[in-house]
Amino acid sequence: MSLRDSLLVVLTLGPAYGYQLHAEVVERTRRSAALNPGQVYSTLDRLARDELLRPAGTTHDGLPLYALTDAGHGAAANALATPRGPDFAAMVDHVLLAQSVPGADVAGLIAAYRTVWRKPAGAAPTEPHRLAARRAQDELAKAAHRWLDALPRVQPWAPRADRPRRGRGLRQAEEPR
């Protein structure tokens, strides 16, 4: 699942600041790839430019909050319901994120991924390199179905409110010497 779509889905939970969104995406998807906070902020800028989110005030300590527009809510709903193709890591992120937010049709998403991961029709290729690629895809499809079968049910949860602000904390007063 793309970072764009992940941010939209997390913002369905309510307004949030940039680093909070970063932490929520990482926690809810358990991403294997590192997520650069700079990517989050540049993606938020693009989402604002595309009028999918709007400013929503600031936190008590001055961090800007972002919220979805009506168009953003529609884009988030579409992102939650629509598989993007047979990409195993993207599927895992997508399903885990869907499980973590209230109102997501997780069963429908799983059914859609089962369709995406169906075995390709037609005769097996005869060229060795194409045969190897087909076998790899077949094995990934089997793994995807096994993972979907073994997926435990998870109750959605609210965003964490106890996230520390990114960066250095307040400097402690020095002890007198």
N, C-alpha and C. Protein backbone atom coordinates (compact mmCIF):
# COMPACT_ATOMS: atom_id res chain seq x y z
N MET A 1 0.85 -1.17 0.00
CA MET A 1 0.00 0.00 0.00
C MET A 1 0.90 1.23 0.00
N SER A 2 0.55 2.18 -0.80
CA SER A 2 1.37 3.39 -0.91
C SER A 2 1.31 4.22 0.37
N LEU A 3 2.33 5.03 0.57
CA LEU A 3 2.33 5.94 1.71
C LEU A 3 1.16 6.90 1.62
N ARG A 4 0.87 7.38 0.43
CA ARG A 4 -0.25 8.30 0.21
C ARG A 4 -1.54 7.69 0.76
N ASP A 5 -1.82 6.46 0.32
CA ASP A 5 -3.05 5.80 0.75
C ASP A 5 -3.03 5.50 2.25
N SER A 6 -1.87 5.10 2.78
CA SER A 6 -1.76 4.82 4.21
C SER A 6 -2.07 6.07 5.04
N LEU A 7 -1.54 7.21 4.63
CA LEU A 7 -1.80 8.45 5.36
C LEU A 7 -3.29 8.81 5.30
N LEU A 8 -3.89 8.66 4.14
CA LEU A 8 -5.32 8.96 4.02
C LEU A 8 -6.13 8.08 4.97
N VAL A 9 -5.81 6.80 5.02
CA VAL A 9 -6.55 5.88 5.88
C VAL A 9 -6.35 6.24 7.35
N VAL A 10 -5.13 6.53 7.76
CA VAL A 10 -4.90 6.88 9.16
C VAL A 10 -5.63 8.18 9.52
N LEU A 11 -5.71 9.11 8.58
CA LEU A 11 -6.41 10.36 8.85
C LEU A 11 -7.93 10.18 8.99
N THR A 12 -8.47 9.02 8.61
CA THR A 12 -9.90 8.76 8.88
C THR A 12 -10.15 8.68 10.38
N LEU A 13 -9.10 8.47 11.16
CA LEU A 13 -9.23 8.39 12.62
C LEU A 13 -9.33 9.76 13.28
N GLY A 14 -9.03 10.82 12.51
CA GLY A 14 -9.11 12.17 13.04
C GLY A 14 -7.85 12.95 12.73
N PRO A 15 -7.87 14.25 13.02
CA PRO A 15 -6.70 15.10 12.74
C PRO A 15 -5.44 14.59 13.45
N ALA A 16 -4.31 14.79 12.80
CA ALA A 16 -3.03 14.35 13.36
C ALA A 16 -1.91 15.23 12.81
N TYR A 17 -0.80 15.25 13.52
CA TYR A 17 0.38 15.98 13.04
C TYR A 17 1.29 15.00 12.31
N GLY A 18 2.25 15.52 11.58
CA GLY A 18 3.07 14.73 10.68
C GLY A 18 3.78 13.55 11.31
N TYR A 19 4.50 13.79 12.40
CA TYR A 19 5.25 12.68 13.00
C TYR A 19 4.31 11.67 13.65
N GLN A 20 3.17 12.13 14.12
CA GLN A 20 2.16 11.21 14.65
C GLN A 20 1.67 10.30 13.54
N LEU A 21 1.43 10.86 12.34
CA LEU A 21 1.02 10.05 11.20
C LEU A 21 2.09 9.04 10.84
N HIS A 22 3.34 9.47 10.85
CA HIS A 22 4.47 8.56 10.59
C HIS A 22 4.41 7.37 11.54
N ALA A 23 4.29 7.67 12.85
CA ALA A 23 4.29 6.62 13.86
C ALA A 23 3.09 5.70 13.72
N GLU A 24 1.92 6.26 13.41
CA GLU A 24 0.72 5.43 13.25
C GLU A 24 0.84 4.49 12.05
N VAL A 25 1.36 4.98 10.93
CA VAL A 25 1.52 4.13 9.75
C VAL A 25 2.49 2.99 10.07
N VAL A 26 3.60 3.31 10.71
CA VAL A 26 4.59 2.28 11.04
C VAL A 26 3.98 1.26 12.00
N GLU A 27 3.29 1.72 13.04
CA GLU A 27 2.71 0.81 14.02
C GLU A 27 1.61 -0.06 13.42
N ARG A 28 0.76 0.52 12.62
CA ARG A 28 -0.40 -0.20 12.10
C ARG A 28 -0.05 -1.16 10.97
N THR A 29 1.01 -0.90 10.25
CA THR A 29 1.38 -1.78 9.14
C THR A 29 2.56 -2.68 9.47
N ARG A 30 3.31 -2.31 10.48
CA ARG A 30 4.54 -3.04 10.82
C ARG A 30 5.45 -3.14 9.61
N ARG A 31 5.55 -2.02 8.89
CA ARG A 31 6.34 -1.95 7.66
C ARG A 31 7.72 -2.55 7.84
N SER A 32 8.14 -3.32 6.85
CA SER A 32 9.48 -3.88 6.89
C SER A 32 10.49 -2.87 6.37
N ALA A 33 10.06 -1.99 5.49
CA ALA A 33 10.95 -0.96 4.95
C ALA A 33 10.88 0.28 5.85
N ALA A 34 12.01 0.91 6.03
CA ALA A 34 12.04 2.13 6.84
C ALA A 34 11.20 3.21 6.19
N LEU A 35 10.58 4.02 7.01
CA LEU A 35 9.77 5.12 6.51
C LEU A 35 10.41 6.42 6.95
N ASN A 36 10.89 7.18 6.00
CA ASN A 36 11.56 8.45 6.26
C ASN A 36 10.50 9.50 6.59
N PRO A 37 10.62 10.18 7.73
CA PRO A 37 9.65 11.23 8.05
C PRO A 37 9.54 12.29 6.96
N GLY A 38 10.63 12.56 6.26
CA GLY A 38 10.59 13.52 5.16
C GLY A 38 9.62 13.11 4.06
N GLN A 39 9.52 11.78 3.83
CA GLN A 39 8.55 11.27 2.85
C GLN A 39 7.13 11.60 3.30
N VAL A 40 6.90 11.48 4.59
CA VAL A 40 5.56 11.76 5.13
C VAL A 40 5.20 13.21 4.86
N TYR A 41 6.09 14.12 5.18
CA TYR A 41 5.79 15.54 5.02
C TYR A 41 5.64 15.93 3.55
N SER A 42 6.46 15.38 2.67
CA SER A 42 6.30 15.72 1.24
C SER A 42 5.00 15.13 0.71
N THR A 43 4.61 13.96 1.20
CA THR A 43 3.34 13.37 0.77
C THR A 43 2.17 14.19 1.31
N LEU A 44 2.27 14.67 2.55
CA LEU A 44 1.22 15.53 3.11
C LEU A 44 1.09 16.80 2.27
N ASP A 45 2.21 17.36 1.83
CA ASP A 45 2.16 18.56 0.98
C ASP A 45 1.41 18.26 -0.32
N ARG A 46 1.69 17.10 -0.93
CA ARG A 46 0.99 16.74 -2.17
C ARG A 46 -0.50 16.50 -1.93
N LEU A 47 -0.84 15.87 -0.81
CA LEU A 47 -2.25 15.64 -0.48
C LEU A 47 -2.98 16.97 -0.27
N ALA A 48 -2.32 17.93 0.34
CA ALA A 48 -2.92 19.26 0.53
C ALA A 48 -3.08 19.94 -0.83
N ARG A 49 -2.05 19.86 -1.65
CA ARG A 49 -2.11 20.46 -2.99
C ARG A 49 -3.28 19.86 -3.80
N ASP A 50 -3.51 18.55 -3.64
CA ASP A 50 -4.59 17.86 -4.36
C ASP A 50 -5.94 18.01 -3.66
N GLU A 51 -5.97 18.82 -2.60
CA GLU A 51 -7.18 19.13 -1.84
C GLU A 51 -7.83 17.89 -1.21
N LEU A 52 -6.98 16.95 -0.77
CA LEU A 52 -7.47 15.77 -0.06
C LEU A 52 -7.34 15.94 1.45
N LEU A 53 -6.55 16.92 1.87
CA LEU A 53 -6.50 17.26 3.29
C LEU A 53 -6.39 18.76 3.45
N ARG A 54 -6.65 19.20 4.67
CA ARG A 54 -6.67 20.63 4.97
C ARG A 54 -6.02 20.83 6.34
N PRO A 55 -5.59 22.06 6.61
CA PRO A 55 -5.08 22.35 7.95
C PRO A 55 -6.21 22.21 8.97
N ALA A 56 -5.87 21.73 10.16
CA ALA A 56 -6.88 21.54 11.20
C ALA A 56 -6.41 22.09 12.53
N GLY A 57 -5.76 23.24 12.50
CA GLY A 57 -5.28 23.86 13.73
C GLY A 57 -3.90 23.36 14.10
N THR A 58 -3.60 23.45 15.39
CA THR A 58 -2.29 23.02 15.88
C THR A 58 -2.46 22.29 17.20
N THR A 59 -1.42 21.56 17.57
CA THR A 59 -1.40 20.91 18.87
C THR A 59 -1.12 21.95 19.94
N HIS A 60 -1.21 21.56 21.19
CA HIS A 60 -0.94 22.51 22.28
C HIS A 60 0.48 23.07 22.22
N ASP A 61 1.39 22.33 21.58
CA ASP A 61 2.76 22.83 21.48
C ASP A 61 3.12 23.33 20.08
N GLY A 62 2.09 23.62 19.27
CA GLY A 62 2.31 24.31 18.01
C GLY A 62 2.55 23.46 16.77
N LEU A 63 2.38 22.15 16.86
CA LEU A 63 2.56 21.32 15.67
C LEU A 63 1.31 21.41 14.78
N PRO A 64 1.47 21.56 13.48
CA PRO A 64 0.30 21.67 12.60
C PRO A 64 -0.44 20.34 12.48
N LEU A 65 -1.75 20.42 12.59
CA LEU A 65 -2.61 19.25 12.43
C LEU A 65 -3.19 19.22 11.02
N TYR A 66 -3.38 18.01 10.52
CA TYR A 66 -3.97 17.79 9.20
C TYR A 66 -5.26 17.00 9.37
N ALA A 67 -6.25 17.31 8.50
CA ALA A 67 -7.52 16.58 8.51
C ALA A 67 -7.95 16.34 7.07
N LEU A 68 -8.76 15.32 6.87
CA LEU A 68 -9.26 15.00 5.53
C LEU A 68 -10.34 15.98 5.10
N THR A 69 -10.36 16.27 3.82
CA THR A 69 -11.49 16.98 3.21
C THR A 69 -12.52 15.92 2.81
N ASP A 70 -13.66 16.35 2.27
CA ASP A 70 -14.64 15.38 1.78
C ASP A 70 -14.02 14.50 0.69
N ALA A 71 -13.27 15.12 -0.21
CA ALA A 71 -12.59 14.35 -1.27
C ALA A 71 -11.57 13.39 -0.67
N GLY A 72 -10.92 13.80 0.41
CA GLY A 72 -9.96 12.94 1.09
C GLY A 72 -10.61 11.73 1.72
N HIS A 73 -11.81 11.94 2.29
CA HIS A 73 -12.55 10.79 2.85
C HIS A 73 -12.90 9.79 1.75
N GLY A 74 -13.30 10.30 0.59
CA GLY A 74 -13.62 9.41 -0.53
C GLY A 74 -12.38 8.65 -1.01
N ALA A 75 -11.26 9.35 -1.10
CA ALA A 75 -10.01 8.70 -1.52
C ALA A 75 -9.57 7.66 -0.50
N ALA A 76 -9.76 7.94 0.79
CA ALA A 76 -9.39 6.98 1.83
C ALA A 76 -10.27 5.74 1.76
N ALA A 77 -11.57 5.93 1.55
CA ALA A 77 -12.48 4.78 1.43
C ALA A 77 -12.09 3.91 0.24
N ASN A 78 -11.75 4.55 -0.87
CA ASN A 78 -11.32 3.80 -2.05
C ASN A 78 -10.01 3.06 -1.79
N ALA A 79 -9.08 3.73 -1.12
CA ALA A 79 -7.79 3.10 -0.81
C ALA A 79 -7.97 1.89 0.11
N LEU A 80 -8.90 2.00 1.05
CA LEU A 80 -9.13 0.89 1.98
C LEU A 80 -9.72 -0.33 1.30
N ALA A 81 -10.53 -0.12 0.28
CA ALA A 81 -11.29 -1.21 -0.33
C ALA A 81 -10.65 -1.82 -1.56
N THR A 82 -9.65 -1.17 -2.14
CA THR A 82 -9.16 -1.57 -3.45
C THR A 82 -7.74 -2.11 -3.41
N PRO A 83 -7.56 -3.42 -3.66
CA PRO A 83 -6.20 -3.96 -3.79
C PRO A 83 -5.50 -3.35 -5.00
N ARG A 84 -4.21 -3.17 -4.90
CA ARG A 84 -3.46 -2.56 -6.00
C ARG A 84 -2.74 -3.57 -6.86
N GLY A 85 -2.91 -4.85 -6.62
CA GLY A 85 -2.26 -5.85 -7.47
C GLY A 85 -1.53 -6.88 -6.63
N PRO A 86 -0.96 -7.86 -7.30
CA PRO A 86 -0.30 -8.95 -6.57
C PRO A 86 1.10 -8.57 -6.09
N ASP A 87 1.16 -7.76 -5.07
CA ASP A 87 2.42 -7.38 -4.43
C ASP A 87 2.27 -7.81 -2.97
N PHE A 88 3.05 -8.81 -2.58
CA PHE A 88 2.88 -9.43 -1.26
C PHE A 88 3.05 -8.42 -0.12
N ALA A 89 4.14 -7.66 -0.13
CA ALA A 89 4.39 -6.71 0.96
C ALA A 89 3.31 -5.64 1.02
N ALA A 90 2.87 -5.15 -0.14
CA ALA A 90 1.81 -4.14 -0.17
C ALA A 90 0.51 -4.72 0.37
N MET A 91 0.23 -6.00 0.04
CA MET A 91 -0.98 -6.64 0.55
C MET A 91 -0.93 -6.73 2.08
N VAL A 92 0.20 -7.14 2.63
CA VAL A 92 0.32 -7.26 4.08
C VAL A 92 0.07 -5.90 4.74
N ASP A 93 0.74 -4.85 4.25
CA ASP A 93 0.52 -3.51 4.80
C ASP A 93 -0.95 -3.11 4.71
N HIS A 94 -1.56 -3.37 3.56
CA HIS A 94 -2.94 -2.97 3.30
C HIS A 94 -3.91 -3.66 4.27
N VAL A 95 -3.79 -4.97 4.39
CA VAL A 95 -4.71 -5.73 5.25
C VAL A 95 -4.49 -5.37 6.72
N LEU A 96 -3.24 -5.26 7.14
CA LEU A 96 -2.98 -4.88 8.54
C LEU A 96 -3.53 -3.50 8.85
N LEU A 97 -3.36 -2.56 7.94
CA LEU A 97 -3.88 -1.22 8.15
C LEU A 97 -5.41 -1.24 8.20
N ALA A 98 -6.03 -1.99 7.29
CA ALA A 98 -7.49 -2.08 7.27
C ALA A 98 -8.02 -2.68 8.58
N GLN A 99 -7.31 -3.67 9.12
CA GLN A 99 -7.74 -4.27 10.38
C GLN A 99 -7.69 -3.27 11.53
N SER A 100 -6.83 -2.29 11.43
CA SER A 100 -6.58 -1.39 12.56
C SER A 100 -7.54 -0.20 12.63
N VAL A 101 -8.36 0.01 11.60
CA VAL A 101 -9.25 1.17 11.60
C VAL A 101 -10.71 0.72 11.64
N PRO A 102 -11.53 1.41 12.42
CA PRO A 102 -12.94 1.04 12.51
C PRO A 102 -13.66 1.23 11.17
N GLY A 103 -14.61 0.36 10.90
CA GLY A 103 -15.45 0.51 9.73
C GLY A 103 -14.90 -0.06 8.44
N ALA A 104 -13.68 -0.56 8.44
CA ALA A 104 -13.11 -1.13 7.22
C ALA A 104 -13.75 -2.49 6.95
N ASP A 105 -14.04 -2.76 5.69
CA ASP A 105 -14.58 -4.06 5.28
C ASP A 105 -13.40 -5.01 5.06
N VAL A 106 -12.86 -5.52 6.15
CA VAL A 106 -11.68 -6.37 6.08
C VAL A 106 -12.01 -7.67 5.33
N ALA A 107 -13.18 -8.24 5.59
CA ALA A 107 -13.55 -9.49 4.89
C ALA A 107 -13.64 -9.25 3.39
N GLY A 108 -14.20 -8.13 2.98
CA GLY A 108 -14.28 -7.81 1.55
C GLY A 108 -12.90 -7.60 0.94
N LEU A 109 -12.01 -6.95 1.69
CA LEU A 109 -10.64 -6.72 1.21
C LEU A 109 -9.91 -8.05 1.07
N ILE A 110 -10.06 -8.93 2.03
CA ILE A 110 -9.42 -10.25 1.96
C ILE A 110 -9.95 -11.02 0.76
N ALA A 111 -11.26 -10.98 0.53
CA ALA A 111 -11.84 -11.65 -0.64
C ALA A 111 -11.28 -11.07 -1.94
N ALA A 112 -11.12 -9.77 -1.97
CA ALA A 112 -10.56 -9.13 -3.17
C ALA A 112 -9.12 -9.58 -3.39
N TYR A 113 -8.34 -9.68 -2.31
CA TYR A 113 -6.97 -10.15 -2.46
C TYR A 113 -6.92 -11.62 -2.87
N ARG A 114 -7.86 -12.41 -2.42
CA ARG A 114 -7.89 -13.81 -2.87
C ARG A 114 -8.07 -13.86 -4.39
N THR A 115 -8.89 -12.97 -4.91
CA THR A 115 -9.09 -12.90 -6.36
C THR A 115 -7.82 -12.44 -7.06
N VAL A 116 -7.17 -11.43 -6.51
CA VAL A 116 -5.93 -10.91 -7.09
C VAL A 116 -4.88 -12.02 -7.17
N TRP A 117 -4.82 -12.86 -6.15
CA TRP A 117 -3.80 -13.90 -6.06
C TRP A 117 -4.24 -15.24 -6.65
N ARG A 118 -5.25 -15.23 -7.50
CA ARG A 118 -5.66 -16.47 -8.18
C ARG A 118 -4.57 -16.95 -9.11
N LYS A 119 -4.51 -18.24 -9.29
CA LYS A 119 -3.53 -18.81 -10.20
C LYS A 119 -3.83 -18.35 -11.62
N PRO A 120 -2.81 -17.92 -12.37
CA PRO A 120 -3.06 -17.46 -13.74
C PRO A 120 -3.59 -18.58 -14.62
N ALA A 121 -4.50 -18.21 -15.50
CA ALA A 121 -5.08 -19.19 -16.42
C ALA A 121 -4.15 -19.38 -17.61
N GLY A 122 -4.38 -20.44 -18.33
CA GLY A 122 -3.60 -20.68 -19.55
C GLY A 122 -2.50 -21.70 -19.33
N ALA A 123 -1.96 -22.13 -20.43
CA ALA A 123 -0.90 -23.13 -20.40
C ALA A 123 0.37 -22.53 -19.81
N ALA A 124 1.11 -23.40 -19.14
CA ALA A 124 2.39 -22.97 -18.58
C ALA A 124 3.37 -22.67 -19.72
N PRO A 125 4.15 -21.63 -19.57
CA PRO A 125 5.12 -21.32 -20.62
C PRO A 125 6.19 -22.42 -20.73
N THR A 126 6.83 -22.49 -21.86
CA THR A 126 7.86 -23.51 -22.06
C THR A 126 9.27 -22.94 -21.96
N GLU A 127 9.43 -21.64 -22.14
CA GLU A 127 10.75 -21.05 -22.02
C GLU A 127 11.18 -21.08 -20.56
N PRO A 128 12.42 -21.50 -20.28
CA PRO A 128 12.86 -21.65 -18.88
C PRO A 128 12.68 -20.40 -18.03
N HIS A 129 13.03 -19.23 -18.57
CA HIS A 129 12.92 -18.01 -17.76
C HIS A 129 11.46 -17.65 -17.48
N ARG A 130 10.59 -17.88 -18.43
CA ARG A 130 9.17 -17.60 -18.20
C ARG A 130 8.55 -18.64 -17.26
N LEU A 131 9.00 -19.87 -17.37
CA LEU A 131 8.52 -20.93 -16.49
C LEU A 131 8.94 -20.64 -15.05
N ALA A 132 10.17 -20.20 -14.86
CA ALA A 132 10.65 -19.87 -13.51
C ALA A 132 9.85 -18.71 -12.93
N ALA A 133 9.56 -17.71 -13.75
CA ALA A 133 8.76 -16.57 -13.28
C ALA A 133 7.35 -17.02 -12.91
N ARG A 134 6.75 -17.88 -13.71
CA ARG A 134 5.39 -18.38 -13.42
C ARG A 134 5.39 -19.17 -12.13
N ARG A 135 6.40 -20.01 -11.93
CA ARG A 135 6.47 -20.80 -10.69
C ARG A 135 6.64 -19.90 -9.48
N ALA A 136 7.46 -18.87 -9.62
CA ALA A 136 7.63 -17.92 -8.51
C ALA A 136 6.30 -17.25 -8.18
N GLN A 137 5.57 -16.84 -9.20
CA GLN A 137 4.27 -16.20 -8.98
C GLN A 137 3.29 -17.18 -8.34
N ASP A 138 3.32 -18.43 -8.78
CA ASP A 138 2.45 -19.46 -8.18
C ASP A 138 2.76 -19.65 -6.70
N GLU A 139 4.04 -19.68 -6.35
CA GLU A 139 4.43 -19.85 -4.95
C GLU A 139 4.03 -18.63 -4.11
N LEU A 140 4.19 -17.43 -4.67
CA LEU A 140 3.74 -16.24 -3.96
C LEU A 140 2.23 -16.27 -3.74
N ALA A 141 1.49 -16.73 -4.74
CA ALA A 141 0.04 -16.83 -4.60
C ALA A 141 -0.33 -17.81 -3.49
N LYS A 142 0.34 -18.93 -3.44
CA LYS A 142 0.08 -19.90 -2.37
C LYS A 142 0.39 -19.29 -1.01
N ALA A 143 1.52 -18.59 -0.93
CA ALA A 143 1.90 -17.95 0.34
C ALA A 143 0.88 -16.89 0.74
N ALA A 144 0.40 -16.13 -0.22
CA ALA A 144 -0.61 -15.10 0.07
C ALA A 144 -1.87 -15.73 0.62
N HIS A 145 -2.33 -16.81 0.00
CA HIS A 145 -3.54 -17.49 0.48
C HIS A 145 -3.32 -18.08 1.87
N ARG A 146 -2.14 -18.66 2.11
CA ARG A 146 -1.85 -19.21 3.45
C ARG A 146 -1.86 -18.09 4.49
N TRP A 147 -1.25 -16.95 4.16
CA TRP A 147 -1.22 -15.84 5.10
C TRP A 147 -2.64 -15.33 5.38
N LEU A 148 -3.43 -15.16 4.33
CA LEU A 148 -4.81 -14.69 4.50
C LEU A 148 -5.62 -15.68 5.33
N ASP A 149 -5.37 -16.99 5.15
CA ASP A 149 -6.07 -18.01 5.93
C ASP A 149 -5.70 -17.96 7.41
N ALA A 150 -4.45 -17.66 7.70
CA ALA A 150 -3.94 -17.68 9.08
C ALA A 150 -4.08 -16.35 9.80
N LEU A 151 -4.57 -15.34 9.12
CA LEU A 151 -4.65 -14.00 9.68
C LEU A 151 -5.58 -13.96 10.90
N PRO A 152 -5.06 -13.57 12.06
CA PRO A 152 -5.94 -13.47 13.23
C PRO A 152 -6.83 -12.23 13.13
N ARG A 153 -7.96 -12.30 13.79
CA ARG A 153 -8.83 -11.12 13.85
C ARG A 153 -8.24 -10.13 14.84
N VAL A 154 -8.30 -8.87 14.46
CA VAL A 154 -7.74 -7.80 15.29
C VAL A 154 -8.83 -6.75 15.48
N GLN A 155 -8.95 -6.25 16.70
CA GLN A 155 -9.88 -5.17 16.97
C GLN A 155 -9.23 -3.85 16.58
N PRO A 156 -9.95 -2.99 15.85
CA PRO A 156 -9.40 -1.66 15.52
C PRO A 156 -9.07 -0.89 16.79
N TRP A 157 -8.15 0.05 16.68
CA TRP A 157 -7.80 0.86 17.84
C TRP A 157 -7.65 2.33 17.45
N ALA A 158 -7.80 3.17 18.47
CA ALA A 158 -7.68 4.62 18.28
C ALA A 158 -6.21 5.01 18.18
N PRO A 159 -5.95 6.18 17.61
CA PRO A 159 -4.56 6.65 17.58
C PRO A 159 -4.03 6.84 18.99
N ARG A 160 -2.76 6.63 19.17
CA ARG A 160 -2.15 6.84 20.48
C ARG A 160 -2.00 8.33 20.74
N ALA A 161 -2.31 8.72 21.94
CA ALA A 161 -2.20 10.13 22.30
C ALA A 161 -0.89 10.43 23.03
N ASP A 162 -0.13 9.40 23.35
CA ASP A 162 1.06 9.59 24.18
C ASP A 162 2.35 9.66 23.38
N ARG A 163 2.26 9.90 22.09
CA ARG A 163 3.47 9.98 21.27
C ARG A 163 4.29 11.21 21.65
N PRO A 164 5.56 11.02 21.91
CA PRO A 164 6.38 12.20 22.17
C PRO A 164 6.63 12.96 20.88
N ARG A 165 6.83 14.22 21.02
CA ARG A 165 7.17 15.04 19.87
C ARG A 165 8.55 14.61 19.39
N ARG A 166 8.75 14.57 18.09
CA ARG A 166 10.03 14.15 17.53
C ARG A 166 11.09 15.20 17.86
N GLY A 167 12.29 14.75 18.03
CA GLY A 167 13.39 15.67 18.30
C GLY A 167 13.83 15.60 19.75
N ARG A 168 14.64 16.50 20.12
CA ARG A 168 15.16 16.52 21.49
C ARG A 168 14.12 17.06 22.46
N GLY A 169 14.13 16.50 23.63
CA GLY A 169 13.23 16.99 24.67
C GLY A 169 13.78 18.27 25.27
N LEU A 170 13.07 18.82 26.21
CA LEU A 170 13.55 20.02 26.88
C LEU A 170 14.83 19.71 27.62
N ARG A 171 15.75 20.61 27.58
CA ARG A 171 17.02 20.42 28.24
C ARG A 171 16.81 20.51 29.76
N GLN A 172 17.36 19.54 30.44
CA GLN A 172 17.26 19.52 31.91
C GLN A 172 18.17 20.60 32.49
N ALA A 173 17.73 21.21 33.56
CA ALA A 173 18.58 22.21 34.23
C ALA A 173 19.84 21.52 34.72
N GLU A 174 20.94 22.20 34.55
CA GLU A 174 22.22 21.62 34.99
C GLU A 174 22.31 21.67 36.50
N GLU A 175 22.93 20.65 37.04
CA GLU A 175 23.19 20.59 38.49
C GLU A 175 24.26 21.63 38.84
N PRO A 176 24.11 22.34 39.94
CA PRO A 176 25.18 23.26 40.35
C PRO A 176 26.42 22.44 40.72
N ARG A 177 27.57 23.02 40.44
CA ARG A 177 28.82 22.30 40.70
C ARG A 177 29.36 22.62 42.04
